[in-house]
N, C-alpha and C. Protein backbone atom coordinates (compact mmCIF):
# COMPACT_ATOMS: atom_id res chain seq x y z
N MET A 1 12.39 40.06 -40.53
CA MET A 1 11.82 41.36 -40.85
C MET A 1 10.96 41.86 -39.68
N ALA A 2 10.51 43.08 -39.80
CA ALA A 2 9.72 43.70 -38.75
C ALA A 2 8.29 43.14 -38.73
N ASP A 3 7.69 43.14 -37.56
CA ASP A 3 6.32 42.68 -37.38
C ASP A 3 5.38 43.84 -37.69
N ILE A 4 4.78 43.83 -38.88
CA ILE A 4 3.94 44.94 -39.34
C ILE A 4 2.70 45.11 -38.47
N ALA A 5 2.12 44.01 -38.02
CA ALA A 5 0.93 44.10 -37.15
C ALA A 5 1.28 44.80 -35.84
N ALA A 6 2.42 44.46 -35.26
CA ALA A 6 2.86 45.09 -34.01
C ALA A 6 3.18 46.57 -34.24
N LEU A 7 3.82 46.87 -35.37
CA LEU A 7 4.12 48.27 -35.69
C LEU A 7 2.84 49.07 -35.89
N THR A 8 1.85 48.47 -36.54
CA THR A 8 0.57 49.14 -36.75
C THR A 8 -0.10 49.44 -35.41
N SER A 9 -0.08 48.47 -34.50
CA SER A 9 -0.67 48.68 -33.18
C SER A 9 0.03 49.80 -32.41
N LEU A 10 1.32 49.94 -32.62
CA LEU A 10 2.09 50.98 -31.95
C LEU A 10 1.85 52.35 -32.60
N ILE A 11 1.87 52.39 -33.91
CA ILE A 11 1.86 53.65 -34.66
C ILE A 11 0.47 54.24 -34.86
N GLU A 12 -0.51 53.41 -35.19
CA GLU A 12 -1.83 53.92 -35.57
C GLU A 12 -2.47 54.84 -34.53
N PRO A 13 -2.44 54.52 -33.23
CA PRO A 13 -3.07 55.44 -32.26
C PRO A 13 -2.45 56.85 -32.29
N HIS A 14 -1.16 56.94 -32.53
CA HIS A 14 -0.50 58.25 -32.57
C HIS A 14 -0.91 59.02 -33.82
N VAL A 15 -0.96 58.34 -34.95
CA VAL A 15 -1.36 58.97 -36.20
C VAL A 15 -2.82 59.46 -36.08
N THR A 16 -3.68 58.63 -35.54
CA THR A 16 -5.09 58.98 -35.35
C THR A 16 -5.24 60.15 -34.38
N ASP A 17 -4.47 60.11 -33.29
CA ASP A 17 -4.51 61.18 -32.30
C ASP A 17 -4.11 62.53 -32.90
N MET A 18 -3.28 62.49 -33.92
CA MET A 18 -2.85 63.72 -34.59
C MET A 18 -3.87 64.19 -35.63
N GLY A 19 -4.93 63.41 -35.85
CA GLY A 19 -5.97 63.82 -36.77
C GLY A 19 -5.83 63.27 -38.18
N TYR A 20 -4.98 62.26 -38.35
CA TYR A 20 -4.75 61.66 -39.66
C TYR A 20 -5.27 60.22 -39.68
N ASN A 21 -5.43 59.68 -40.87
CA ASN A 21 -5.75 58.26 -41.03
C ASN A 21 -4.50 57.53 -41.51
N LEU A 22 -4.24 56.39 -40.94
CA LEU A 22 -3.14 55.55 -41.38
C LEU A 22 -3.60 54.77 -42.61
N VAL A 23 -2.82 54.81 -43.68
CA VAL A 23 -3.16 54.10 -44.91
C VAL A 23 -2.40 52.79 -44.99
N ARG A 24 -1.09 52.84 -44.72
CA ARG A 24 -0.29 51.62 -44.84
C ARG A 24 1.04 51.77 -44.11
N ILE A 25 1.51 50.64 -43.58
CA ILE A 25 2.86 50.54 -43.03
C ILE A 25 3.53 49.41 -43.78
N LYS A 26 4.75 49.66 -44.25
CA LYS A 26 5.45 48.64 -45.03
C LYS A 26 6.96 48.79 -44.84
N MET A 27 7.65 47.66 -44.79
CA MET A 27 9.12 47.67 -44.78
C MET A 27 9.58 47.50 -46.22
N LEU A 28 10.46 48.37 -46.66
CA LEU A 28 10.98 48.35 -48.02
C LEU A 28 12.49 48.18 -47.99
N GLY A 29 13.06 47.70 -49.07
CA GLY A 29 14.51 47.69 -49.23
C GLY A 29 15.24 46.48 -48.71
N GLY A 30 14.57 45.56 -48.08
CA GLY A 30 15.25 44.35 -47.59
C GLY A 30 16.28 44.67 -46.51
N THR A 31 17.27 43.82 -46.39
CA THR A 31 18.26 43.97 -45.32
C THR A 31 19.38 44.95 -45.66
N SER A 32 19.57 45.26 -46.94
CA SER A 32 20.67 46.14 -47.32
C SER A 32 20.36 47.62 -47.09
N ASP A 33 19.12 48.02 -47.25
CA ASP A 33 18.75 49.42 -47.10
C ASP A 33 17.30 49.52 -46.62
N PRO A 34 17.02 49.06 -45.40
CA PRO A 34 15.63 49.01 -44.94
C PRO A 34 15.03 50.40 -44.68
N THR A 35 13.78 50.54 -45.11
CA THR A 35 13.03 51.76 -44.89
C THR A 35 11.66 51.38 -44.36
N LEU A 36 11.27 52.00 -43.24
CA LEU A 36 9.93 51.84 -42.71
C LEU A 36 9.08 52.94 -43.34
N GLN A 37 8.18 52.54 -44.25
CA GLN A 37 7.34 53.49 -44.96
C GLN A 37 5.98 53.56 -44.28
N ILE A 38 5.58 54.77 -43.93
CA ILE A 38 4.28 55.01 -43.31
C ILE A 38 3.51 55.96 -44.20
N MET A 39 2.37 55.50 -44.70
CA MET A 39 1.50 56.35 -45.51
C MET A 39 0.30 56.76 -44.66
N ALA A 40 0.00 58.05 -44.73
CA ALA A 40 -1.13 58.59 -43.98
C ALA A 40 -1.83 59.64 -44.84
N GLU A 41 -3.00 60.05 -44.37
CA GLU A 41 -3.77 61.07 -45.10
C GLU A 41 -4.65 61.84 -44.14
N ARG A 42 -5.01 63.04 -44.56
CA ARG A 42 -6.02 63.81 -43.83
C ARG A 42 -7.38 63.22 -44.19
N PRO A 43 -8.25 62.97 -43.21
CA PRO A 43 -9.54 62.37 -43.53
C PRO A 43 -10.43 63.27 -44.39
N ASP A 44 -10.28 64.58 -44.28
CA ASP A 44 -11.16 65.48 -45.02
C ASP A 44 -10.73 65.67 -46.48
N THR A 45 -9.43 65.59 -46.76
CA THR A 45 -8.95 65.85 -48.12
C THR A 45 -8.34 64.64 -48.79
N ARG A 46 -8.06 63.58 -48.03
CA ARG A 46 -7.38 62.37 -48.53
C ARG A 46 -5.98 62.71 -49.05
N GLN A 47 -5.44 63.85 -48.62
CA GLN A 47 -4.13 64.30 -49.06
C GLN A 47 -3.24 64.55 -47.85
N LEU A 48 -1.98 64.79 -48.12
CA LEU A 48 -0.99 65.09 -47.09
C LEU A 48 0.00 66.06 -47.71
N VAL A 49 0.34 67.12 -47.00
CA VAL A 49 1.35 68.06 -47.49
C VAL A 49 2.65 67.81 -46.74
N VAL A 50 3.71 68.43 -47.21
CA VAL A 50 5.04 68.20 -46.64
C VAL A 50 5.07 68.48 -45.14
N GLU A 51 4.39 69.54 -44.71
CA GLU A 51 4.37 69.88 -43.29
C GLU A 51 3.70 68.78 -42.46
N ASP A 52 2.66 68.16 -43.02
CA ASP A 52 2.01 67.04 -42.34
C ASP A 52 2.99 65.88 -42.18
N CYS A 53 3.71 65.58 -43.25
CA CYS A 53 4.69 64.48 -43.21
C CYS A 53 5.74 64.75 -42.14
N ALA A 54 6.22 65.98 -42.07
CA ALA A 54 7.24 66.34 -41.08
C ALA A 54 6.70 66.20 -39.67
N GLU A 55 5.46 66.65 -39.44
CA GLU A 55 4.84 66.56 -38.12
C GLU A 55 4.69 65.10 -37.68
N ILE A 56 4.18 64.27 -38.58
CA ILE A 56 4.01 62.84 -38.26
C ILE A 56 5.37 62.19 -38.03
N SER A 57 6.33 62.51 -38.86
CA SER A 57 7.67 61.92 -38.75
C SER A 57 8.30 62.24 -37.40
N ARG A 58 8.22 63.51 -36.97
CA ARG A 58 8.79 63.89 -35.67
C ARG A 58 8.15 63.11 -34.53
N ARG A 59 6.82 63.02 -34.55
CA ARG A 59 6.10 62.32 -33.49
C ARG A 59 6.45 60.84 -33.48
N LEU A 60 6.42 60.20 -34.66
CA LEU A 60 6.68 58.77 -34.72
C LEU A 60 8.13 58.42 -34.47
N SER A 61 9.01 59.31 -34.83
CA SER A 61 10.43 59.08 -34.56
C SER A 61 10.66 58.93 -33.06
N ASP A 62 10.04 59.81 -32.28
CA ASP A 62 10.15 59.72 -30.81
C ASP A 62 9.53 58.43 -30.29
N VAL A 63 8.34 58.09 -30.80
CA VAL A 63 7.64 56.87 -30.37
C VAL A 63 8.47 55.63 -30.70
N LEU A 64 8.99 55.57 -31.91
CA LEU A 64 9.79 54.41 -32.34
C LEU A 64 11.11 54.32 -31.59
N ASP A 65 11.73 55.47 -31.30
CA ASP A 65 12.97 55.45 -30.52
C ASP A 65 12.73 54.90 -29.12
N GLU A 66 11.62 55.29 -28.52
CA GLU A 66 11.30 54.84 -27.15
C GLU A 66 10.94 53.35 -27.12
N ALA A 67 10.10 52.91 -28.04
CA ALA A 67 9.64 51.51 -28.03
C ALA A 67 10.67 50.56 -28.63
N ASP A 68 11.47 51.05 -29.56
CA ASP A 68 12.51 50.27 -30.24
C ASP A 68 11.99 48.92 -30.75
N PRO A 69 10.94 48.94 -31.62
CA PRO A 69 10.31 47.68 -32.06
C PRO A 69 11.04 46.98 -33.22
N ILE A 70 12.03 47.63 -33.79
CA ILE A 70 12.73 47.06 -34.94
C ILE A 70 14.17 46.80 -34.54
N GLU A 71 14.62 45.56 -34.75
CA GLU A 71 15.92 45.11 -34.25
C GLU A 71 17.12 45.64 -35.02
N PHE A 72 16.92 46.26 -36.15
CA PHE A 72 18.03 46.69 -36.99
C PHE A 72 17.86 48.16 -37.35
N ALA A 73 18.93 48.75 -37.88
CA ALA A 73 18.88 50.15 -38.30
C ALA A 73 17.99 50.27 -39.54
N TYR A 74 17.24 51.34 -39.62
CA TYR A 74 16.32 51.56 -40.75
C TYR A 74 16.11 53.06 -40.92
N ARG A 75 15.55 53.41 -42.04
CA ARG A 75 15.17 54.78 -42.33
C ARG A 75 13.66 54.90 -42.15
N LEU A 76 13.18 56.03 -41.64
CA LEU A 76 11.75 56.28 -41.49
C LEU A 76 11.30 57.20 -42.63
N GLU A 77 10.26 56.78 -43.33
CA GLU A 77 9.71 57.58 -44.43
C GLU A 77 8.22 57.76 -44.18
N VAL A 78 7.77 59.00 -44.13
CA VAL A 78 6.35 59.29 -43.98
C VAL A 78 5.91 59.98 -45.26
N SER A 79 4.84 59.46 -45.87
CA SER A 79 4.41 60.02 -47.15
C SER A 79 2.90 59.95 -47.32
N SER A 80 2.46 60.69 -48.32
CA SER A 80 1.08 60.63 -48.78
C SER A 80 0.94 59.36 -49.61
N PRO A 81 -0.26 58.80 -49.69
CA PRO A 81 -0.44 57.63 -50.55
C PRO A 81 -0.34 57.95 -52.03
N GLY A 82 -0.41 59.22 -52.41
CA GLY A 82 -0.28 59.61 -53.80
C GLY A 82 -1.56 59.40 -54.59
N ILE A 83 -1.52 59.78 -55.85
CA ILE A 83 -2.71 59.69 -56.69
C ILE A 83 -3.09 58.24 -56.95
N ASP A 84 -2.12 57.44 -57.38
CA ASP A 84 -2.40 56.02 -57.67
C ASP A 84 -2.17 55.19 -56.41
N ARG A 85 -2.86 55.57 -55.40
CA ARG A 85 -2.72 55.09 -54.03
C ARG A 85 -2.99 53.60 -53.86
N PRO A 86 -2.36 53.00 -52.85
CA PRO A 86 -2.71 51.62 -52.53
C PRO A 86 -4.09 51.57 -51.88
N LEU A 87 -4.79 50.51 -52.11
CA LEU A 87 -6.09 50.27 -51.48
C LEU A 87 -5.86 49.19 -50.44
N THR A 88 -5.91 49.58 -49.17
CA THR A 88 -5.51 48.67 -48.10
C THR A 88 -6.64 48.32 -47.13
N ARG A 89 -7.69 49.11 -47.15
CA ARG A 89 -8.80 48.90 -46.21
C ARG A 89 -10.08 48.67 -46.98
N LEU A 90 -11.03 47.96 -46.39
CA LEU A 90 -12.32 47.73 -47.05
C LEU A 90 -12.96 49.07 -47.44
N SER A 91 -12.86 50.06 -46.58
CA SER A 91 -13.48 51.36 -46.86
C SER A 91 -12.91 52.01 -48.12
N ASP A 92 -11.67 51.69 -48.48
CA ASP A 92 -11.08 52.26 -49.70
C ASP A 92 -11.88 51.89 -50.94
N TYR A 93 -12.42 50.69 -50.96
CA TYR A 93 -13.15 50.21 -52.14
C TYR A 93 -14.51 50.89 -52.28
N VAL A 94 -15.04 51.37 -51.19
CA VAL A 94 -16.28 52.15 -51.22
C VAL A 94 -15.94 53.60 -51.60
N ASP A 95 -14.91 54.15 -50.93
CA ASP A 95 -14.52 55.54 -51.18
C ASP A 95 -14.10 55.79 -52.62
N TRP A 96 -13.49 54.80 -53.25
CA TRP A 96 -12.95 54.98 -54.60
C TRP A 96 -13.78 54.25 -55.67
N ALA A 97 -15.00 53.89 -55.33
CA ALA A 97 -15.90 53.28 -56.31
C ALA A 97 -16.06 54.24 -57.49
N GLY A 98 -16.06 53.67 -58.70
CA GLY A 98 -16.17 54.48 -59.91
C GLY A 98 -14.82 54.76 -60.56
N PHE A 99 -13.74 54.41 -59.86
CA PHE A 99 -12.39 54.60 -60.40
C PHE A 99 -11.78 53.25 -60.74
N ASP A 100 -10.75 53.27 -61.58
CA ASP A 100 -10.10 52.04 -62.03
C ASP A 100 -9.02 51.60 -61.06
N ALA A 101 -8.89 50.28 -60.90
CA ALA A 101 -7.90 49.74 -59.97
C ALA A 101 -7.32 48.44 -60.52
N ARG A 102 -6.18 48.06 -59.96
CA ARG A 102 -5.56 46.76 -60.25
C ARG A 102 -5.43 46.00 -58.94
N LEU A 103 -5.97 44.79 -58.93
CA LEU A 103 -5.88 43.91 -57.76
C LEU A 103 -4.97 42.75 -58.12
N ARG A 104 -3.93 42.53 -57.32
CA ARG A 104 -3.09 41.34 -57.47
C ARG A 104 -3.51 40.40 -56.35
N LEU A 105 -3.76 39.15 -56.73
CA LEU A 105 -4.37 38.21 -55.80
C LEU A 105 -3.37 37.21 -55.24
N LEU A 106 -3.66 36.70 -54.07
CA LEU A 106 -2.83 35.69 -53.41
C LEU A 106 -2.90 34.35 -54.12
N GLU A 107 -4.05 34.08 -54.71
CA GLU A 107 -4.25 32.84 -55.46
C GLU A 107 -5.24 33.11 -56.58
N GLU A 108 -5.32 32.18 -57.51
CA GLU A 108 -6.24 32.36 -58.64
C GLU A 108 -7.68 32.49 -58.19
N PHE A 109 -8.39 33.39 -58.87
CA PHE A 109 -9.81 33.58 -58.66
C PHE A 109 -10.44 33.72 -60.04
N ASN A 110 -11.37 32.87 -60.37
CA ASN A 110 -11.97 32.85 -61.72
C ASN A 110 -10.90 32.79 -62.81
N GLY A 111 -9.84 32.01 -62.55
CA GLY A 111 -8.78 31.82 -63.53
C GLY A 111 -7.80 32.98 -63.64
N ARG A 112 -7.82 33.90 -62.69
CA ARG A 112 -6.95 35.09 -62.76
C ARG A 112 -6.18 35.28 -61.46
N LYS A 113 -4.94 35.75 -61.60
CA LYS A 113 -4.13 36.15 -60.45
C LYS A 113 -4.12 37.67 -60.32
N GLN A 114 -4.65 38.35 -61.34
CA GLN A 114 -4.72 39.81 -61.34
C GLN A 114 -6.01 40.24 -62.02
N VAL A 115 -6.63 41.27 -61.46
CA VAL A 115 -7.87 41.80 -62.04
C VAL A 115 -7.74 43.31 -62.13
N GLU A 116 -8.04 43.86 -63.31
CA GLU A 116 -8.09 45.31 -63.50
C GLU A 116 -9.49 45.68 -63.94
N GLY A 117 -9.95 46.82 -63.43
CA GLY A 117 -11.26 47.27 -63.85
C GLY A 117 -11.79 48.40 -63.00
N ARG A 118 -13.07 48.70 -63.19
CA ARG A 118 -13.74 49.78 -62.49
C ARG A 118 -14.31 49.26 -61.18
N LEU A 119 -13.95 49.93 -60.08
CA LEU A 119 -14.46 49.54 -58.77
C LEU A 119 -15.93 49.89 -58.65
N GLY A 120 -16.68 48.97 -58.04
CA GLY A 120 -18.11 49.18 -57.84
C GLY A 120 -18.52 49.12 -56.38
N GLY A 121 -17.55 49.24 -55.48
CA GLY A 121 -17.87 49.20 -54.06
C GLY A 121 -17.68 47.82 -53.48
N LEU A 122 -18.49 47.51 -52.46
CA LEU A 122 -18.37 46.24 -51.74
C LEU A 122 -19.71 45.53 -51.66
N GLU A 123 -19.61 44.23 -51.56
CA GLU A 123 -20.75 43.39 -51.23
C GLU A 123 -20.25 42.47 -50.14
N ASP A 124 -20.72 42.68 -48.93
CA ASP A 124 -20.16 42.03 -47.73
C ASP A 124 -18.68 42.36 -47.70
N GLU A 125 -17.79 41.37 -47.77
CA GLU A 125 -16.36 41.66 -47.82
C GLU A 125 -15.78 41.30 -49.17
N GLY A 126 -16.61 41.43 -50.20
CA GLY A 126 -16.18 41.19 -51.58
C GLY A 126 -16.09 42.49 -52.34
N ILE A 127 -15.01 42.65 -53.10
CA ILE A 127 -14.78 43.85 -53.89
C ILE A 127 -15.45 43.67 -55.24
N ILE A 128 -16.33 44.58 -55.57
CA ILE A 128 -17.02 44.53 -56.87
C ILE A 128 -16.16 45.27 -57.87
N ILE A 129 -15.81 44.59 -58.96
CA ILE A 129 -14.96 45.19 -59.99
C ILE A 129 -15.43 44.71 -61.36
N THR A 130 -15.54 45.64 -62.30
CA THR A 130 -15.98 45.32 -63.66
C THR A 130 -14.81 45.48 -64.62
N THR A 131 -14.49 44.42 -65.33
CA THR A 131 -13.36 44.45 -66.26
C THR A 131 -13.75 45.23 -67.52
N PRO A 132 -12.83 45.99 -68.09
CA PRO A 132 -13.17 46.84 -69.23
C PRO A 132 -13.42 46.09 -70.54
N LYS A 133 -12.64 45.05 -70.81
CA LYS A 133 -12.75 44.36 -72.10
C LYS A 133 -14.01 43.51 -72.19
N THR A 134 -14.22 42.69 -71.17
CA THR A 134 -15.35 41.76 -71.22
C THR A 134 -16.60 42.29 -70.54
N ARG A 135 -16.45 43.40 -69.81
CA ARG A 135 -17.55 43.98 -69.02
C ARG A 135 -18.11 42.98 -68.01
N GLU A 136 -17.26 42.07 -67.61
CA GLU A 136 -17.62 41.06 -66.61
C GLU A 136 -17.50 41.70 -65.22
N THR A 137 -18.51 41.51 -64.40
CA THR A 137 -18.45 42.02 -63.04
C THR A 137 -18.15 40.87 -62.10
N LEU A 138 -17.08 41.04 -61.34
CA LEU A 138 -16.64 40.03 -60.37
C LEU A 138 -16.80 40.58 -58.97
N THR A 139 -16.97 39.67 -58.02
CA THR A 139 -16.92 40.04 -56.61
C THR A 139 -15.77 39.25 -56.00
N VAL A 140 -14.64 39.94 -55.85
CA VAL A 140 -13.41 39.32 -55.39
C VAL A 140 -13.34 39.42 -53.87
N PRO A 141 -13.17 38.29 -53.18
CA PRO A 141 -13.04 38.35 -51.72
C PRO A 141 -11.85 39.20 -51.30
N PHE A 142 -12.07 40.12 -50.38
CA PHE A 142 -11.01 40.98 -49.87
C PHE A 142 -9.84 40.14 -49.34
N SER A 143 -10.15 38.99 -48.76
CA SER A 143 -9.12 38.12 -48.19
C SER A 143 -8.16 37.57 -49.24
N LEU A 144 -8.52 37.63 -50.52
CA LEU A 144 -7.65 37.14 -51.60
C LEU A 144 -6.72 38.21 -52.15
N VAL A 145 -6.88 39.47 -51.73
CA VAL A 145 -6.10 40.57 -52.30
C VAL A 145 -4.73 40.62 -51.63
N ALA A 146 -3.69 40.48 -52.46
CA ALA A 146 -2.31 40.63 -51.98
C ALA A 146 -1.95 42.11 -51.96
N THR A 147 -2.17 42.78 -53.10
CA THR A 147 -1.97 44.22 -53.20
C THR A 147 -3.02 44.77 -54.15
N ALA A 148 -3.34 46.04 -53.95
CA ALA A 148 -4.30 46.71 -54.83
C ALA A 148 -3.95 48.19 -54.87
N LYS A 149 -4.18 48.79 -56.02
CA LYS A 149 -3.95 50.22 -56.14
C LYS A 149 -4.82 50.82 -57.22
N LEU A 150 -5.06 52.12 -57.08
CA LEU A 150 -5.79 52.84 -58.11
C LEU A 150 -4.90 52.97 -59.33
N LEU A 151 -5.51 53.02 -60.51
CA LEU A 151 -4.79 53.24 -61.75
C LEU A 151 -4.90 54.70 -62.15
N LEU A 152 -3.82 55.26 -62.62
CA LEU A 152 -3.78 56.66 -63.01
C LEU A 152 -4.60 56.88 -64.28
N THR A 153 -5.67 57.64 -64.14
CA THR A 153 -6.54 57.98 -65.27
C THR A 153 -6.85 59.47 -65.19
N ASP A 154 -7.35 60.04 -66.28
CA ASP A 154 -7.73 61.45 -66.29
C ASP A 154 -8.77 61.75 -65.21
N SER A 155 -9.75 60.85 -65.05
CA SER A 155 -10.80 61.10 -64.05
C SER A 155 -10.24 61.07 -62.63
N LEU A 156 -9.25 60.21 -62.38
CA LEU A 156 -8.63 60.17 -61.05
C LEU A 156 -7.82 61.44 -60.81
N ILE A 157 -7.09 61.88 -61.81
CA ILE A 157 -6.31 63.12 -61.67
C ILE A 157 -7.24 64.29 -61.36
N LYS A 158 -8.34 64.38 -62.07
CA LYS A 158 -9.30 65.47 -61.84
C LYS A 158 -9.88 65.39 -60.43
N ALA A 159 -10.23 64.19 -60.00
CA ALA A 159 -10.87 64.01 -58.69
C ALA A 159 -9.92 64.26 -57.53
N THR A 160 -8.62 64.11 -57.76
CA THR A 160 -7.66 64.25 -56.66
C THR A 160 -6.81 65.50 -56.79
N ALA A 161 -7.21 66.44 -57.65
CA ALA A 161 -6.48 67.70 -57.79
C ALA A 161 -6.38 68.37 -56.43
N PRO A 162 -5.25 69.00 -56.14
CA PRO A 162 -5.12 69.67 -54.85
C PRO A 162 -6.24 70.66 -54.61
N LEU A 163 -6.66 70.74 -53.36
CA LEU A 163 -7.72 71.67 -53.02
C LEU A 163 -7.25 73.11 -53.14
N SER A 164 -5.95 73.32 -52.99
CA SER A 164 -5.38 74.65 -53.10
C SER A 164 -4.02 74.53 -53.77
N THR A 165 -3.72 75.46 -54.64
CA THR A 165 -2.40 75.46 -55.27
C THR A 165 -1.54 76.57 -54.70
N GLU A 166 -1.99 77.17 -53.60
CA GLU A 166 -1.23 78.23 -52.95
C GLU A 166 0.15 77.69 -52.59
N GLY A 167 1.16 78.43 -52.98
CA GLY A 167 2.53 78.02 -52.68
C GLY A 167 3.11 77.06 -53.71
N ALA A 168 2.33 76.67 -54.68
CA ALA A 168 2.84 75.76 -55.70
C ALA A 168 3.78 76.51 -56.63
N ASP A 169 4.77 75.82 -57.14
CA ASP A 169 5.68 76.43 -58.11
C ASP A 169 4.91 76.70 -59.39
N VAL A 170 5.14 77.87 -59.94
CA VAL A 170 4.48 78.25 -61.19
C VAL A 170 5.56 78.51 -62.22
N ILE A 171 5.41 77.92 -63.37
CA ILE A 171 6.34 78.14 -64.46
C ILE A 171 5.61 78.93 -65.54
N LYS A 172 6.18 80.06 -65.88
CA LYS A 172 5.58 80.88 -66.93
C LYS A 172 6.23 80.54 -68.24
N VAL A 173 5.41 80.33 -69.24
CA VAL A 173 5.91 80.03 -70.57
C VAL A 173 5.55 81.21 -71.47
N GLU A 174 6.58 81.79 -72.07
CA GLU A 174 6.32 82.90 -73.00
C GLU A 174 6.15 82.34 -74.39
N ARG A 175 5.22 82.90 -75.11
CA ARG A 175 4.96 82.43 -76.49
C ARG A 175 5.26 83.53 -77.46
């Protein structure tokens, strides 16, 4: 498979130079249908529109063609992290404190391989999370997180509503 650390070193400076933050790079689809997925966001809105995706895709397509870091044919996908976004950086746990998340762990921690609850920020490099049922507050080491993402809730939807709906499709319902 592709070397994600090497791809990140190649791609991130270009994404940053364009004024975006890199959220995640991931290879999807295995050997039968590989896709290089690049998630990015605007630092001011934490969102990305289609035009942003196209701009990043054009720039990275040229960079990847020139460097040729992947030995096999693949598809390039540039996207927004979406509402129930992955949490990939320590700063994500501070930025999204107060919202619900699911952490899947590399190994058991306090008898669990998965923790769901309300994010409470960071303590050193530990993620503070309070479980809803037991109201237990854990500090999970960031190094133990395999994957993490926000959970879709009404409060998250409200907090991430588009800043502008200009150009959005509108459906009129007659009553």
